[in-house]
Amino acid sequence: MNIEQGLRFIAGVVILVSLSLAVTFSPYWLILTAFAGLNLLQSGLTNWCPMVAVLKWLGLPACSSHEHPTASAASGRRAGTC
């Protein structure tokens, strides 16, 4: 698992857990769902996410070009990056 996969996994878990908690206990748990969604939105716009630093600290490897066959100059990505 690399940083990009870890980030997607954590976002999915946070959203599913918060939805389950909202259905089971209180709709106020949807605030966590909204926070996760807003964080994904700002990450997409700014290409910065605080969770990436945590995942790097945990030792997850960075993405490599062989994991992203579509990564190219046309997509605005350099080879070997996420």
Protein backbone atom coordinates (compact mmCIF):
# COMPACT_ATOMS: atom_id res chain seq x y z
CA MET A 1 0.00 0.00 0.00
CA ASN A 2 1.37 3.41 -0.92
CA ILE A 3 0.45 6.89 0.32
CA GLU A 4 -2.28 7.47 -2.27
CA GLN A 5 -3.94 4.14 -1.54
CA GLY A 6 -3.67 4.72 2.21
CA LEU A 7 -5.22 8.15 1.88
CA ARG A 8 -8.16 6.81 -0.12
CA PHE A 9 -8.60 3.93 2.34
CA ILE A 10 -8.67 6.23 5.37
CA ALA A 11 -11.10 8.65 3.70
CA GLY A 12 -13.43 5.78 2.85
CA VAL A 13 -13.29 4.36 6.38
CA VAL A 14 -13.96 7.77 7.96
CA ILE A 15 -16.97 8.35 5.70
CA LEU A 16 -18.47 4.89 6.22
CA VAL A 17 -17.92 4.93 10.00
CA SER A 18 -19.38 8.41 10.37
CA LEU A 19 -22.43 7.44 8.29
CA SER A 20 -22.94 4.34 10.45
CA LEU A 21 -22.64 6.41 13.62
CA ALA A 22 -25.10 8.96 12.23
CA VAL A 23 -27.68 6.28 11.49
CA THR A 24 -27.14 4.47 14.80
CA PHE A 25 -26.64 7.28 17.32
CA SER A 26 -26.99 10.87 16.17
CA PRO A 27 -27.19 12.80 12.91
CA TYR A 28 -24.49 15.11 14.30
CA TRP A 29 -21.97 12.47 13.16
CA LEU A 30 -22.66 13.72 9.63
CA ILE A 31 -20.44 16.68 10.53
CA LEU A 32 -17.50 14.26 10.36
CA THR A 33 -18.69 13.09 6.94
CA ALA A 34 -18.86 16.70 5.76
CA PHE A 35 -15.38 17.37 7.17
CA ALA A 36 -13.96 14.40 5.26
CA GLY A 37 -15.67 15.56 2.07
CA LEU A 38 -14.43 19.13 2.46
CA ASN A 39 -10.91 17.87 3.13
CA LEU A 40 -11.03 15.77 -0.05
CA LEU A 41 -12.28 18.79 -1.98
CA GLN A 42 -9.53 21.12 -0.74
CA SER A 43 -6.95 18.38 -1.31
CA GLY A 44 -8.08 18.07 -4.91
CA LEU A 45 -7.87 21.82 -5.42
CA THR A 46 -4.58 22.48 -3.59
CA ASN A 47 -2.78 19.11 -3.93
CA TRP A 48 -2.06 19.26 -0.17
CA CYS A 49 -3.46 17.04 2.56
CA PRO A 50 -2.34 16.86 6.21
CA MET A 51 -2.91 13.07 6.30
CA VAL A 52 -0.11 12.62 3.74
CA ALA A 53 2.42 13.76 6.36
CA VAL A 54 1.00 11.24 8.84
CA LEU A 55 1.19 8.43 6.29
CA LYS A 56 4.79 9.37 5.44
CA TRP A 57 5.62 9.32 9.16
CA LEU A 58 4.05 5.85 9.39
CA GLY A 59 6.42 4.72 6.64
CA LEU A 60 4.11 4.24 3.66
CA PRO A 61 6.04 4.49 0.41
CA ALA A 62 5.42 7.25 -2.11
CA CYS A 63 3.67 6.42 -5.37
CA SER A 64 5.77 5.31 -8.30
CA SER A 65 5.23 5.69 -12.02
CA HIS A 66 4.75 1.94 -12.57
CA GLU A 67 1.68 2.07 -10.33
CA HIS A 68 0.16 4.87 -12.43
CA PRO A 69 0.39 4.00 -16.12
CA THR A 70 -1.56 7.14 -17.00
CA ALA A 71 0.85 9.47 -15.17
CA SER A 72 2.39 11.69 -17.79
CA ALA A 73 3.21 15.26 -18.63
CA ALA A 74 -0.21 15.55 -20.27
CA SER A 75 -1.90 14.96 -16.92
CA GLY A 76 0.35 17.47 -15.19
CA ARG A 77 2.12 14.80 -13.17
CA ARG A 78 5.77 13.98 -13.17
CA ALA A 79 6.80 10.35 -13.40
CA GLY A 80 7.21 8.82 -9.96
CA THR A 81 4.68 11.03 -8.20
CA CYS A 82 1.09 10.52 -7.13
